[in-house]
Amino acid sequence: SPDGKKLAMWQGTELVIWDVDQGEMARKPAIMPNLAPGPIVWSPDSQALVYLQITTPCPPSGKSYGVRLTLPTLTPTLLFTSETPTFTGASWETADQLTLTDEHSKRWRYDFGTQQLTQSP
């Protein structure tokens, strides 16, 4: 996490979150347990994370899902589902939007306020 105090990793199809000083904080099954787990990105304030899941990781294709978990409740919120394009990467630099990368290395933005997904120029 950006604050250096938390770590999130996939263990099978479970997302595991650790506090680096106190150990394991939580485990949460993936929203789509039969799909491949993808990248995990932390919010700039380290109070939430977003993860991607994809139907077929190699080569990347099929539906991709973006899911947000807010600490400490860890209630999953499905942000988007997309088949064209298939999203393979993400970063979260500003509080109000994600930057996503598709299977063709094109960049997209997801705006949390409007819940809109748009291709970057």
PDB file of N, CA and C in Angstrom:
ATOM      1  N   SER A   1       0.841  -1.190   0.000  1.00  0.00           N
ATOM      2  CA  SER A   1       0.000   0.000   0.000  1.00  0.00           C
ATOM      3  C   SER A   1       0.880   1.244   0.000  1.00  0.00           C
ATOM      4  N   PRO A   2       0.371   2.355  -0.486  1.00  0.00           N
ATOM      5  CA  PRO A   2       1.174   3.574  -0.529  1.00  0.00           C
ATOM      6  C   PRO A   2       1.709   4.020   0.838  1.00  0.00           C
ATOM      7  N   ASP A   3       0.973   3.731   1.918  1.00  0.00           N
ATOM      8  CA  ASP A   3       1.465   4.124   3.243  1.00  0.00           C
ATOM      9  C   ASP A   3       2.516   3.163   3.797  1.00  0.00           C
ATOM     10  N   GLY A   4       2.774   2.071   3.061  1.00  0.00           N
ATOM     11  CA  GLY A   4       3.794   1.109   3.473  1.00  0.00           C
ATOM     12  C   GLY A   4       3.393   0.222   4.632  1.00  0.00           C
ATOM     13  N   LYS A   5       2.106   0.220   5.006  1.00  0.00           N
ATOM     14  CA  LYS A   5       1.668  -0.521   6.192  1.00  0.00           C
ATOM     15  C   LYS A   5       0.859  -1.781   5.884  1.00  0.00           C
ATOM     16  N   LYS A   6       0.438  -1.952   4.623  1.00  0.00           N
ATOM     17  CA  LYS A   6      -0.396  -3.097   4.267  1.00  0.00           C
ATOM     18  C   LYS A   6       0.129  -3.759   3.000  1.00  0.00           C
ATOM     19  N   LEU A   7      -0.235  -5.027   2.859  1.00  0.00           N
ATOM     20  CA  LEU A   7       0.154  -5.820   1.704  1.00  0.00           C
ATOM     21  C   LEU A   7      -1.050  -6.657   1.304  1.00  0.00           C
ATOM     22  N   ALA A   8      -1.318  -6.759   0.009  1.00  0.00           N
ATOM     23  CA  ALA A   8      -2.413  -7.598  -0.492  1.00  0.00           C
ATOM     24  C   ALA A   8      -1.863  -8.509  -1.572  1.00  0.00           C
ATOM     25  N   MET A   9      -2.237  -9.790  -1.489  1.00  0.00           N
ATOM     26  CA  MET A   9      -1.776 -10.791  -2.460  1.00  0.00           C
ATOM     27  C   MET A   9      -2.870 -11.817  -2.685  1.00  0.00           C
ATOM     28  N   TRP A  10      -2.771 -12.469  -3.824  1.00  0.00           N
ATOM     29  CA  TRP A  10      -3.665 -13.598  -4.102  1.00  0.00           C
ATOM     30  C   TRP A  10      -3.068 -14.860  -3.502  1.00  0.00           C
ATOM     31  N   GLN A  11      -3.917 -15.644  -2.860  1.00  0.00           N
ATOM     32  CA  GLN A  11      -3.558 -16.983  -2.422  1.00  0.00           C
ATOM     33  C   GLN A  11      -4.646 -17.886  -3.002  1.00  0.00           C
ATOM     34  N   GLY A  12      -4.334 -18.472  -4.162  1.00  0.00           N
ATOM     35  CA  GLY A  12      -5.368 -19.192  -4.912  1.00  0.00           C
ATOM     36  C   GLY A  12      -6.378 -18.174  -5.415  1.00  0.00           C
ATOM     37  N   THR A  13      -7.641 -18.371  -5.045  1.00  0.00           N
ATOM     38  CA  THR A  13      -8.677 -17.419  -5.449  1.00  0.00           C
ATOM     39  C   THR A  13      -9.134 -16.552  -4.277  1.00  0.00           C
ATOM     40  N   GLU A  14      -8.317 -16.484  -3.235  1.00  0.00           N
ATOM     41  CA  GLU A  14      -8.613 -15.618  -2.103  1.00  0.00           C
ATOM     42  C   GLU A  14      -7.646 -14.438  -2.088  1.00  0.00           C
ATOM     43  N   LEU A  15      -8.185 -13.271  -1.821  1.00  0.00           N
ATOM     44  CA  LEU A  15      -7.363 -12.097  -1.627  1.00  0.00           C
ATOM     45  C   LEU A  15      -7.020 -12.046  -0.136  1.00  0.00           C
ATOM     46  N   VAL A  16      -5.740 -11.975   0.171  1.00  0.00           N
ATOM     47  CA  VAL A  16      -5.293 -11.933   1.568  1.00  0.00           C
ATOM     48  C   VAL A  16      -4.631 -10.584   1.806  1.00  0.00           C
ATOM     49  N   ILE A  17      -5.044  -9.926   2.887  1.00  0.00           N
ATOM     50  CA  ILE A  17      -4.509  -8.610   3.242  1.00  0.00           C
ATOM     51  C   ILE A  17      -3.797  -8.718   4.577  1.00  0.00           C
ATOM     52  N   TRP A  18      -2.574  -8.188   4.600  1.00  0.00           N
ATOM     53  CA  TRP A  18      -1.763  -8.208   5.815  1.00  0.00           C
ATOM     54  C   TRP A  18      -1.451  -6.787   6.258  1.00  0.00           C
ATOM     55  N   ASP A  19      -1.365  -6.602   7.563  1.00  0.00           N
ATOM     56  CA  ASP A  19      -0.752  -5.429   8.165  1.00  0.00           C
ATOM     57  C   ASP A  19       0.696  -5.832   8.381  1.00  0.00           C
ATOM     58  N   VAL A  20       1.664  -5.051   7.919  1.00  0.00           N
ATOM     59  CA  VAL A  20       3.055  -5.484   7.981  1.00  0.00           C
ATOM     60  C   VAL A  20       3.569  -5.621   9.410  1.00  0.00           C
ATOM     61  N   ASP A  21       2.932  -4.953  10.370  1.00  0.00           N
ATOM     62  CA  ASP A  21       3.354  -5.062  11.771  1.00  0.00           C
ATOM     63  C   ASP A  21       2.552  -6.093  12.558  1.00  0.00           C
ATOM     64  N   GLN A  22       1.278  -6.270  12.210  1.00  0.00           N
ATOM     65  CA  GLN A  22       0.396  -7.118  13.009  1.00  0.00           C
ATOM     66  C   GLN A  22      -0.011  -8.423  12.344  1.00  0.00           C
ATOM     67  N   GLY A  23       0.383  -8.658  11.105  1.00  0.00           N
ATOM     68  CA  GLY A  23       0.060  -9.910  10.432  1.00  0.00           C
ATOM     69  C   GLY A  23      -1.229  -9.842   9.637  1.00  0.00           C
ATOM     70  N   GLU A  24      -1.780 -11.017   9.369  1.00  0.00           N
ATOM     71  CA  GLU A  24      -2.961 -11.117   8.509  1.00  0.00           C
ATOM     72  C   GLU A  24      -4.146 -10.353   9.078  1.00  0.00           C
ATOM     73  N   MET A  25      -4.748  -9.524   8.214  1.00  0.00           N
ATOM     74  CA  MET A  25      -5.927  -8.735   8.597  1.00  0.00           C
ATOM     75  C   MET A  25      -7.221  -9.387   8.130  1.00  0.00           C
ATOM     76  N   ALA A  26      -7.204  -9.914   6.892  1.00  0.00           N
ATOM     77  CA  ALA A  26      -8.448 -10.413   6.306  1.00  0.00           C
ATOM     78  C   ALA A  26      -8.170 -11.299   5.109  1.00  0.00           C
ATOM     79  N   ARG A  27      -9.163 -12.140   4.807  1.00  0.00           N
ATOM     80  CA  ARG A  27      -9.195 -12.957   3.591  1.00  0.00           C
ATOM     81  C   ARG A  27     -10.554 -12.741   2.953  1.00  0.00           C
ATOM     82  N   LYS A  28     -10.537 -12.617   1.640  1.00  0.00           N
ATOM     83  CA  LYS A  28     -11.781 -12.388   0.920  1.00  0.00           C
ATOM     84  C   LYS A  28     -11.749 -13.191  -0.369  1.00  0.00           C
ATOM     85  N   PRO A  29     -12.750 -14.055  -0.598  1.00  0.00           N
ATOM     86  CA  PRO A  29     -12.771 -14.777  -1.873  1.00  0.00           C
ATOM     87  C   PRO A  29     -12.991 -13.817  -3.038  1.00  0.00           C
ATOM     88  N   ALA A  30     -12.407 -14.148  -4.167  1.00  0.00           N
ATOM     89  CA  ALA A  30     -12.593 -13.348  -5.378  1.00  0.00           C
ATOM     90  C   ALA A  30     -14.070 -13.312  -5.733  1.00  0.00           C
ATOM     91  N   ILE A  31     -14.502 -12.218  -6.331  1.00  0.00           N
ATOM     92  CA  ILE A  31     -15.908 -12.054  -6.689  1.00  0.00           C
ATOM     93  C   ILE A  31     -16.332 -13.077  -7.740  1.00  0.00           C
ATOM     94  N   MET A  32     -15.393 -13.491  -8.592  1.00  0.00           N
ATOM     95  CA  MET A  32     -15.649 -14.505  -9.612  1.00  0.00           C
ATOM     96  C   MET A  32     -14.664 -15.647  -9.364  1.00  0.00           C
ATOM     97  N   PRO A  33     -15.013 -16.621  -8.537  1.00  0.00           N
ATOM     98  CA  PRO A  33     -14.050 -17.635  -8.104  1.00  0.00           C
ATOM     99  C   PRO A  33     -13.492 -18.532  -9.209  1.00  0.00           C
ATOM    100  N   ASN A  34     -14.141 -18.607 -10.350  1.00  0.00           N
ATOM    101  CA  ASN A  34     -13.653 -19.472 -11.426  1.00  0.00           C
ATOM    102  C   ASN A  34     -12.774 -18.751 -12.442  1.00  0.00           C
ATOM    103  N   LEU A  35     -12.520 -17.464 -12.218  1.00  0.00           N
ATOM    104  CA  LEU A  35     -11.708 -16.693 -13.154  1.00  0.00           C
ATOM    105  C   LEU A  35     -10.317 -16.444 -12.586  1.00  0.00           C
ATOM    106  N   ALA A  36      -9.391 -16.148 -13.469  1.00  0.00           N
ATOM    107  CA  ALA A  36      -8.005 -15.904 -13.060  1.00  0.00           C
ATOM    108  C   ALA A  36      -7.899 -14.590 -12.288  1.00  0.00           C
ATOM    109  N   PRO A  37      -7.187 -14.612 -11.157  1.00  0.00           N
ATOM    110  CA  PRO A  37      -6.954 -13.367 -10.439  1.00  0.00           C
ATOM    111  C   PRO A  37      -5.954 -12.506 -11.191  1.00  0.00           C
ATOM    112  N   GLY A  38      -6.143 -11.208 -11.095  1.00  0.00           N
ATOM    113  CA  GLY A  38      -5.270 -10.277 -11.800  1.00  0.00           C
ATOM    114  C   GLY A  38      -4.614  -9.294 -10.856  1.00  0.00           C
ATOM    115  N   PRO A  39      -4.166  -8.171 -11.404  1.00  0.00           N
ATOM    116  CA  PRO A  39      -3.451  -7.191 -10.606  1.00  0.00           C
ATOM    117  C   PRO A  39      -4.310  -6.603  -9.488  1.00  0.00           C
ATOM    118  N   ILE A  40      -3.629  -6.206  -8.428  1.00  0.00           N
ATOM    119  CA  ILE A  40      -4.244  -5.550  -7.276  1.00  0.00           C
ATOM    120  C   ILE A  40      -3.603  -4.171  -7.180  1.00  0.00           C
ATOM    121  N   VAL A  41      -4.404  -3.131  -7.048  1.00  0.00           N
ATOM    122  CA  VAL A  41      -3.868  -1.776  -6.880  1.00  0.00           C
ATOM    123  C   VAL A  41      -4.523  -1.113  -5.677  1.00  0.00           C
ATOM    124  N   TRP A  42      -3.722  -0.398  -4.906  1.00  0.00           N
ATOM    125  CA  TRP A  42      -4.191   0.310  -3.718  1.00  0.00           C
ATOM    126  C   TRP A  42      -4.606   1.729  -4.067  1.00  0.00           C
ATOM    127  N   SER A  43      -5.576   2.237  -3.319  1.00  0.00           N
ATOM    128  CA  SER A  43      -5.954   3.646  -3.440  1.00  0.00           C
ATOM    129  C   SER A  43      -4.814   4.512  -2.911  1.00  0.00           C
ATOM    130  N   PRO A  44      -4.746   5.765  -3.336  1.00  0.00           N
ATOM    131  CA  PRO A  44      -3.672   6.637  -2.872  1.00  0.00           C
ATOM    132  C   PRO A  44      -3.633   6.809  -1.349  1.00  0.00           C
ATOM    133  N   ASP A  45      -4.796   6.700  -0.675  1.00  0.00           N
ATOM    134  CA  ASP A  45      -4.826   6.860   0.786  1.00  0.00           C
ATOM    135  C   ASP A  45      -4.696   5.531   1.534  1.00  0.00           C
ATOM    136  N   SER A  46      -4.493   4.444   0.812  1.00  0.00           N
ATOM    137  CA  SER A  46      -4.315   3.094   1.384  1.00  0.00           C
ATOM    138  C   SER A  46      -5.546   2.570   2.120  1.00  0.00           C
ATOM    139  N   GLN A  47      -6.726   3.128   1.848  1.00  0.00           N
ATOM    140  CA  GLN A  47      -7.947   2.705   2.527  1.00  0.00           C
ATOM    141  C   GLN A  47      -8.864   1.841   1.672  1.00  0.00           C
ATOM    142  N   ALA A  48      -8.445   1.547   0.447  1.00  0.00           N
ATOM    143  CA  ALA A  48      -9.240   0.703  -0.453  1.00  0.00           C
ATOM    144  C   ALA A  48      -8.294   0.099  -1.476  1.00  0.00           C
ATOM    145  N   LEU A  49      -8.794  -0.914  -2.164  1.00  0.00           N
ATOM    146  CA  LEU A  49      -8.033  -1.486  -3.270  1.00  0.00           C
ATOM    147  C   LEU A  49      -8.984  -1.913  -4.361  1.00  0.00           C
ATOM    148  N   VAL A  50      -8.429  -2.046  -5.542  1.00  0.00           N
ATOM    149  CA  VAL A  50      -9.168  -2.555  -6.695  1.00  0.00           C
ATOM    150  C   VAL A  50      -8.371  -3.720  -7.244  1.00  0.00           C
ATOM    151  N   TYR A  51      -9.088  -4.792  -7.616  1.00  0.00           N
ATOM    152  CA  TYR A  51      -8.420  -5.893  -8.297  1.00  0.00           C
ATOM    153  C   TYR A  51      -9.149  -6.212  -9.585  1.00  0.00           C
ATOM    154  N   LEU A  52      -8.406  -6.789 -10.514  1.00  0.00           N
ATOM    155  CA  LEU A  52      -8.960  -7.227 -11.790  1.00  0.00           C
ATOM    156  C   LEU A  52      -9.009  -8.742 -11.821  1.00  0.00           C
ATOM    157  N   GLN A  53      -9.984  -9.257 -12.526  1.00  0.00           N
ATOM    158  CA  GLN A  53     -10.056 -10.681 -12.854  1.00  0.00           C
ATOM    159  C   GLN A  53     -10.344 -10.788 -14.335  1.00  0.00           C
ATOM    160  N   ILE A  54      -9.883 -11.886 -14.934  1.00  0.00           N
ATOM    161  CA  ILE A  54      -9.988 -12.044 -16.384  1.00  0.00           C
ATOM    162  C   ILE A  54     -10.370 -13.484 -16.706  1.00  0.00           C
ATOM    163  N   THR A  55     -11.153 -13.652 -17.759  1.00  0.00           N
ATOM    164  CA  THR A  55     -11.594 -14.983 -18.166  1.00  0.00           C
ATOM    165  C   THR A  55     -10.410 -15.850 -18.589  1.00  0.00           C
ATOM    166  N   THR A  56      -9.595 -15.353 -19.517  1.00  0.00           N
ATOM    167  CA  THR A  56      -8.452 -16.105 -20.032  1.00  0.00           C
ATOM    168  C   THR A  56      -7.209 -15.235 -19.933  1.00  0.00           C
ATOM    169  N   PRO A  57      -6.265 -15.581 -19.036  1.00  0.00           N
ATOM    170  CA  PRO A  57      -5.106 -14.712 -18.853  1.00  0.00           C
ATOM    171  C   PRO A  57      -4.022 -14.826 -19.928  1.00  0.00           C
ATOM    172  N   CYS A  58      -3.938 -15.956 -20.618  1.00  0.00           N
ATOM    173  CA  CYS A  58      -2.820 -16.133 -21.542  1.00  0.00           C
ATOM    174  C   CYS A  58      -3.276 -16.845 -22.814  1.00  0.00           C
ATOM    175  N   PRO A  59      -3.404 -16.169 -23.932  1.00  0.00           N
ATOM    176  CA  PRO A  59      -3.305 -14.724 -24.070  1.00  0.00           C
ATOM    177  C   PRO A  59      -4.539 -14.057 -23.470  1.00  0.00           C
ATOM    178  N   PRO A  60      -4.409 -12.809 -23.011  1.00  0.00           N
ATOM    179  CA  PRO A  60      -5.538 -12.146 -22.359  1.00  0.00           C
ATOM    180  C   PRO A  60      -6.719 -11.981 -23.304  1.00  0.00           C
ATOM    181  N   SER A  61      -7.867 -12.507 -22.863  1.00  0.00           N
ATOM    182  CA  SER A  61      -9.079 -12.376 -23.662  1.00  0.00           C
ATOM    183  C   SER A  61     -10.285 -12.674 -22.792  1.00  0.00           C
ATOM    184  N   GLY A  62     -11.443 -12.383 -23.332  1.00  0.00           N
ATOM    185  CA  GLY A  62     -12.686 -12.636 -22.616  1.00  0.00           C
ATOM    186  C   GLY A  62     -13.029 -11.491 -21.682  1.00  0.00           C
ATOM    187  N   LYS A  63     -13.977 -11.743 -20.807  1.00  0.00           N
ATOM    188  CA  LYS A  63     -14.437 -10.702 -19.902  1.00  0.00           C
ATOM    189  C   LYS A  63     -13.387 -10.401 -18.845  1.00  0.00           C
ATOM    190  N   SER A  64     -13.306  -9.130 -18.522  1.00  0.00           N
ATOM    191  CA  SER A  64     -12.504  -8.702 -17.383  1.00  0.00           C
ATOM    192  C   SER A  64     -13.435  -7.975 -16.416  1.00  0.00           C
ATOM    193  N   TYR A  65     -13.109  -8.085 -15.151  1.00  0.00           N
ATOM    194  CA  TYR A  65     -13.928  -7.523 -14.087  1.00  0.00           C
ATOM    195  C   TYR A  65     -13.055  -6.643 -13.215  1.00  0.00           C
ATOM    196  N   GLY A  66     -13.576  -5.494 -12.809  1.00  0.00           N
ATOM    197  CA  GLY A  66     -12.892  -4.614 -11.860  1.00  0.00           C
ATOM    198  C   GLY A  66     -13.706  -4.566 -10.583  1.00  0.00           C
ATOM    199  N   VAL A  67     -13.071  -4.869  -9.451  1.00  0.00           N
ATOM    200  CA  VAL A  67     -13.759  -4.962  -8.165  1.00  0.00           C
ATOM    201  C   VAL A  67     -13.061  -4.064  -7.151  1.00  0.00           C
ATOM    202  N   ARG A  68     -13.832  -3.304  -6.402  1.00  0.00           N
ATOM    203  CA  ARG A  68     -13.290  -2.443  -5.348  1.00  0.00           C
ATOM    204  C   ARG A  68     -13.624  -3.016  -3.981  1.00  0.00           C
ATOM    205  N   LEU A  69     -12.638  -3.013  -3.075  1.00  0.00           N
ATOM    206  CA  LEU A  69     -12.826  -3.370  -1.673  1.00  0.00           C
ATOM    207  C   LEU A  69     -12.375  -2.186  -0.833  1.00  0.00           C
ATOM    208  N   THR A  70     -13.225  -1.748   0.088  1.00  0.00           N
ATOM    209  CA  THR A  70     -12.892  -0.651   0.976  1.00  0.00           C
ATOM    210  C   THR A  70     -12.614  -1.215   2.364  1.00  0.00           C
ATOM    211  N   LEU A  71     -11.509  -0.787   2.964  1.00  0.00           N
ATOM    212  CA  LEU A  71     -11.177  -1.219   4.318  1.00  0.00           C
ATOM    213  C   LEU A  71     -11.976  -0.401   5.320  1.00  0.00           C
ATOM    214  N   PRO A  72     -12.392  -0.911   6.448  1.00  0.00           N
ATOM    215  CA  PRO A  72     -12.154  -2.260   6.933  1.00  0.00           C
ATOM    216  C   PRO A  72     -13.261  -3.252   6.588  1.00  0.00           C
ATOM    217  N   THR A  73     -14.363  -2.811   5.938  1.00  0.00           N
ATOM    218  CA  THR A  73     -15.503  -3.709   5.717  1.00  0.00           C
ATOM    219  C   THR A  73     -15.237  -4.783   4.680  1.00  0.00           C
ATOM    220  N   LEU A  74     -14.389  -4.496   3.696  1.00  0.00           N
ATOM    221  CA  LEU A  74     -14.067  -5.430   2.611  1.00  0.00           C
ATOM    222  C   LEU A  74     -15.298  -5.889   1.842  1.00  0.00           C
ATOM    223  N   THR A  75     -16.283  -5.005   1.750  1.00  0.00           N
ATOM    224  CA  THR A  75     -17.463  -5.307   0.952  1.00  0.00           C
ATOM    225  C   THR A  75     -17.104  -5.097  -0.518  1.00  0.00           C
ATOM    226  N   PRO A  76     -17.254  -6.132  -1.360  1.00  0.00           N
ATOM    227  CA  PRO A  76     -16.886  -5.980  -2.768  1.00  0.00           C
ATOM    228  C   PRO A  76     -17.930  -5.177  -3.541  1.00  0.00           C
ATOM    229  N   THR A  77     -17.437  -4.308  -4.406  1.00  0.00           N
ATOM    230  CA  THR A  77     -18.288  -3.550  -5.321  1.00  0.00           C
ATOM    231  C   THR A  77     -17.774  -3.796  -6.727  1.00  0.00           C
ATOM    232  N   LEU A  78     -18.624  -4.383  -7.565  1.00  0.00           N
ATOM    233  CA  LEU A  78     -18.248  -4.593  -8.964  1.00  0.00           C
ATOM    234  C   LEU A  78     -18.314  -3.251  -9.673  1.00  0.00           C
ATOM    235  N   LEU A  79     -17.171  -2.768 -10.145  1.00  0.00           N
ATOM    236  CA  LEU A  79     -17.106  -1.473 -10.816  1.00  0.00           C
ATOM    237  C   LEU A  79     -17.472  -1.578 -12.284  1.00  0.00           C
ATOM    238  N   PHE A  80     -16.953  -2.598 -12.949  1.00  0.00           N
ATOM    239  CA  PHE A  80     -17.209  -2.747 -14.383  1.00  0.00           C
ATOM    240  C   PHE A  80     -16.953  -4.182 -14.812  1.00  0.00           C
ATOM    241  N   THR A  81     -17.576  -4.527 -15.920  1.00  0.00           N
ATOM    242  CA  THR A  81     -17.328  -5.764 -16.647  1.00  0.00           C
ATOM    243  C   THR A  81     -17.083  -5.347 -18.085  1.00  0.00           C
ATOM    244  N   SER A  82     -16.036  -5.892 -18.699  1.00  0.00           N
ATOM    245  CA  SER A  82     -15.730  -5.514 -20.076  1.00  0.00           C
ATOM    246  C   SER A  82     -15.175  -6.712 -20.831  1.00  0.00           C
ATOM    247  N   GLU A  83     -15.709  -6.938 -22.012  1.00  0.00           N
ATOM    248  CA  GLU A  83     -15.175  -7.997 -22.869  1.00  0.00           C
ATOM    249  C   GLU A  83     -14.380  -7.410 -24.024  1.00  0.00           C
ATOM    250  N   THR A  84     -14.784  -6.242 -24.471  1.00  0.00           N
ATOM    251  CA  THR A  84     -14.059  -5.540 -25.519  1.00  0.00           C
ATOM    252  C   THR A  84     -13.908  -4.102 -25.071  1.00  0.00           C
ATOM    253  N   PRO A  85     -12.803  -3.730 -24.519  1.00  0.00           N
ATOM    254  CA  PRO A  85     -11.549  -4.470 -24.409  1.00  0.00           C
ATOM    255  C   PRO A  85     -11.507  -5.361 -23.174  1.00  0.00           C
ATOM    256  N   THR A  86     -10.465  -6.183 -23.119  1.00  0.00           N
ATOM    257  CA  THR A  86     -10.152  -6.987 -21.947  1.00  0.00           C
ATOM    258  C   THR A  86      -9.057  -6.240 -21.186  1.00  0.00           C
ATOM    259  N   PHE A  87      -9.300  -5.954 -19.908  1.00  0.00           N
ATOM    260  CA  PHE A  87      -8.322  -5.188 -19.131  1.00  0.00           C
ATOM    261  C   PHE A  87      -7.330  -6.114 -18.441  1.00  0.00           C
ATOM    262  N   THR A  88      -6.060  -5.736 -18.546  1.00  0.00           N
ATOM    263  CA  THR A  88      -4.979  -6.567 -18.009  1.00  0.00           C
ATOM    264  C   THR A  88      -4.115  -5.860 -16.971  1.00  0.00           C
ATOM    265  N   GLY A  89      -4.263  -4.546 -16.833  1.00  0.00           N
ATOM    266  CA  GLY A  89      -3.447  -3.796 -15.889  1.00  0.00           C
ATOM    267  C   GLY A  89      -4.208  -2.614 -15.331  1.00  0.00           C
ATOM    268  N   ALA A  90      -3.757  -2.119 -14.164  1.00  0.00           N
ATOM    269  CA  ALA A  90      -4.416  -0.984 -13.533  1.00  0.00           C
ATOM    270  C   ALA A  90      -3.424  -0.222 -12.663  1.00  0.00           C
ATOM    271  N   SER A  91      -3.702   1.068 -12.481  1.00  0.00           N
ATOM    272  CA  SER A  91      -2.990   1.884 -11.503  1.00  0.00           C
ATOM    273  C   SER A  91      -3.992   2.889 -10.937  1.00  0.00           C
ATOM    274  N   TRP A  92      -3.705   3.373  -9.713  1.00  0.00           N
ATOM    275  CA  TRP A  92      -4.642   4.260  -9.020  1.00  0.00           C
ATOM    276  C   TRP A  92      -3.846   5.408  -8.421  1.00  0.00           C
ATOM    277  N   GLU A  93      -3.636   6.463  -9.199  1.00  0.00           N
ATOM    278  CA  GLU A  93      -2.833   7.596  -8.744  1.00  0.00           C
ATOM    279  C   GLU A  93      -3.644   8.701  -8.092  1.00  0.00           C
ATOM    280  N   THR A  94      -4.894   8.894  -8.538  1.00  0.00           N
ATOM    281  CA  THR A  94      -5.740   9.935  -7.953  1.00  0.00           C
ATOM    282  C   THR A  94      -6.975   9.289  -7.340  1.00  0.00           C
ATOM    283  N   ALA A  95      -7.517   9.937  -6.314  1.00  0.00           N
ATOM    284  CA  ALA A  95      -8.630   9.357  -5.563  1.00  0.00           C
ATOM    285  C   ALA A  95      -9.862   9.085  -6.420  1.00  0.00           C
ATOM    286  N   ASP A  96     -10.076   9.872  -7.473  1.00  0.00           N
ATOM    287  CA  ASP A  96     -11.335   9.790  -8.204  1.00  0.00           C
ATOM    288  C   ASP A  96     -11.316   8.929  -9.464  1.00  0.00           C
ATOM    289  N   GLN A  97     -10.131   8.374  -9.836  1.00  0.00           N
ATOM    290  CA  GLN A  97     -10.139   7.549 -11.044  1.00  0.00           C
ATOM    291  C   GLN A  97      -9.011   6.530 -11.089  1.00  0.00           C
ATOM    292  N   LEU A  98      -9.303   5.454 -11.829  1.00  0.00           N
ATOM    293  CA  LEU A  98      -8.318   4.412 -12.119  1.00  0.00           C
ATOM    294  C   LEU A  98      -7.803   4.607 -13.534  1.00  0.00           C
ATOM    295  N   THR A  99      -6.572   4.205 -13.751  1.00  0.00           N
ATOM    296  CA  THR A  99      -6.042   4.110 -15.101  1.00  0.00           C
ATOM    297  C   THR A  99      -5.927   2.621 -15.402  1.00  0.00           C
ATOM    298  N   LEU A 100      -6.496   2.195 -16.524  1.00  0.00           N
ATOM    299  CA  LEU A 100      -6.505   0.785 -16.908  1.00  0.00           C
ATOM    300  C   LEU A 100      -5.764   0.610 -18.224  1.00  0.00           C
ATOM    301  N   THR A 101      -5.213  -0.583 -18.412  1.00  0.00           N
ATOM    302  CA  THR A 101      -4.538  -0.938 -19.655  1.00  0.00           C
ATOM    303  C   THR A 101      -5.230  -2.165 -20.227  1.00  0.00           C
ATOM    304  N   ASP A 102      -5.510  -2.130 -21.535  1.00  0.00           N
ATOM    305  CA  ASP A 102      -6.176  -3.279 -22.150  1.00  0.00           C
ATOM    306  C   ASP A 102      -5.162  -4.224 -22.794  1.00  0.00           C
ATOM    307  N   GLU A 103      -5.668  -5.270 -23.422  1.00  0.00           N
ATOM    308  CA  GLU A 103      -4.819  -6.307 -24.011  1.00  0.00           C
ATOM    309  C   GLU A 103      -3.980  -5.812 -25.175  1.00  0.00           C
ATOM    310  N   HIS A 104      -4.284  -4.607 -25.686  1.00  0.00           N
ATOM    311  CA  HIS A 104      -3.518  -4.016 -26.784  1.00  0.00           C
ATOM    312  C   HIS A 104      -2.660  -2.845 -26.296  1.00  0.00           C
ATOM    313  N   SER A 105      -2.468  -2.752 -24.982  1.00  0.00           N
ATOM    314  CA  SER A 105      -1.672  -1.696 -24.327  1.00  0.00           C
ATOM    315  C   SER A 105      -2.276  -0.305 -24.475  1.00  0.00           C
ATOM    316  N   LYS A 106      -3.554  -0.224 -24.793  1.00  0.00           N
ATOM    317  CA  LYS A 106      -4.235   1.071 -24.828  1.00  0.00           C
ATOM    318  C   LYS A 106      -4.669   1.427 -23.411  1.00  0.00           C
ATOM    319  N   ARG A 107      -4.653   2.737 -23.118  1.00  0.00           N
ATOM    320  CA  ARG A 107      -4.990   3.206 -21.780  1.00  0.00           C
ATOM    321  C   ARG A 107      -6.437   3.696 -21.724  1.00  0.00           C
ATOM    322  N   TRP A 108      -7.063   3.427 -20.581  1.00  0.00           N
ATOM    323  CA  TRP A 108      -8.446   3.796 -20.322  1.00  0.00           C
ATOM    324  C   TRP A 108      -8.525   4.421 -18.940  1.00  0.00           C
ATOM    325  N   ARG A 109      -9.613   5.138 -18.690  1.00  0.00           N
ATOM    326  CA  ARG A 109      -9.852   5.718 -17.372  1.00  0.00           C
ATOM    327  C   ARG A 109     -11.226   5.271 -16.873  1.00  0.00           C
ATOM    328  N   TYR A 110     -11.266   4.917 -15.588  1.00  0.00           N
ATOM    329  CA  TYR A 110     -12.541   4.644 -14.925  1.00  0.00           C
ATOM    330  C   TYR A 110     -12.725   5.735 -13.882  1.00  0.00           C
ATOM    331  N   ASP A 111     -13.819   6.495 -13.996  1.00  0.00           N
ATOM    332  CA  ASP A 111     -14.126   7.577 -13.064  1.00  0.00           C
ATOM    333  C   ASP A 111     -15.089   7.049 -11.995  1.00  0.00           C
ATOM    334  N   PHE A 112     -14.672   7.098 -10.729  1.00  0.00           N
ATOM    335  CA  PHE A 112     -15.512   6.579  -9.643  1.00  0.00           C
ATOM    336  C   PHE A 112     -16.793   7.391  -9.482  1.00  0.00           C
ATOM    337  N   GLY A 113     -16.729   8.707  -9.688  1.00  0.00           N
ATOM    338  CA  GLY A 113     -17.907   9.558  -9.515  1.00  0.00           C
ATOM    339  C   GLY A 113     -18.978   9.305 -10.551  1.00  0.00           C
ATOM    340  N   THR A 114     -18.581   9.259 -11.820  1.00  0.00           N
ATOM    341  CA  THR A 114     -19.559   9.073 -12.897  1.00  0.00           C
ATOM    342  C   THR A 114     -19.772   7.602 -13.248  1.00  0.00           C
ATOM    343  N   GLN A 115     -18.888   6.742 -12.755  1.00  0.00           N
ATOM    344  CA  GLN A 115     -18.899   5.308 -13.074  1.00  0.00           C
ATOM    345  C   GLN A 115     -18.768   5.069 -14.577  1.00  0.00           C
ATOM    346  N   GLN A 116     -18.011   5.954 -15.239  1.00  0.00           N
ATOM    347  CA  GLN A 116     -17.808   5.861 -16.675  1.00  0.00           C
ATOM    348  C   GLN A 116     -16.413   5.363 -16.990  1.00  0.00           C
ATOM    349  N   LEU A 117     -16.334   4.568 -18.014  1.00  0.00           N
ATOM    350  CA  LEU A 117     -15.089   4.009 -18.538  1.00  0.00           C
ATOM    351  C   LEU A 117     -14.859   4.635 -19.905  1.00  0.00           C
ATOM    352  N   THR A 118     -13.724   5.351 -20.075  1.00  0.00           N
ATOM    353  CA  THR A 118     -13.439   6.006 -21.342  1.00  0.00           C
ATOM    354  C   THR A 118     -11.996   5.768 -21.759  1.00  0.00           C
ATOM    355  N   GLN A 119     -11.774   5.689 -23.063  1.00  0.00           N
ATOM    356  CA  GLN A 119     -10.420   5.515 -23.568  1.00  0.00           C
ATOM    357  C   GLN A 119      -9.657   6.823 -23.454  1.00  0.00           C
ATOM    358  N   SER A 120      -8.401   6.749 -23.033  1.00  0.00           N
ATOM    359  CA  SER A 120      -7.558   7.938 -22.938  1.00  0.00           C
ATOM    360  C   SER A 120      -7.097   8.339 -24.327  1.00  0.00           C
ATOM    361  N   PRO A 121      -6.962   9.640 -24.555  1.00  0.00           N
ATOM    362  CA  PRO A 121      -6.502  10.094 -25.874  1.00  0.00           C
ATOM    363  C   PRO A 121      -5.064   9.703 -26.129  1.00  0.00           C
TER     364      PRO A 121
END
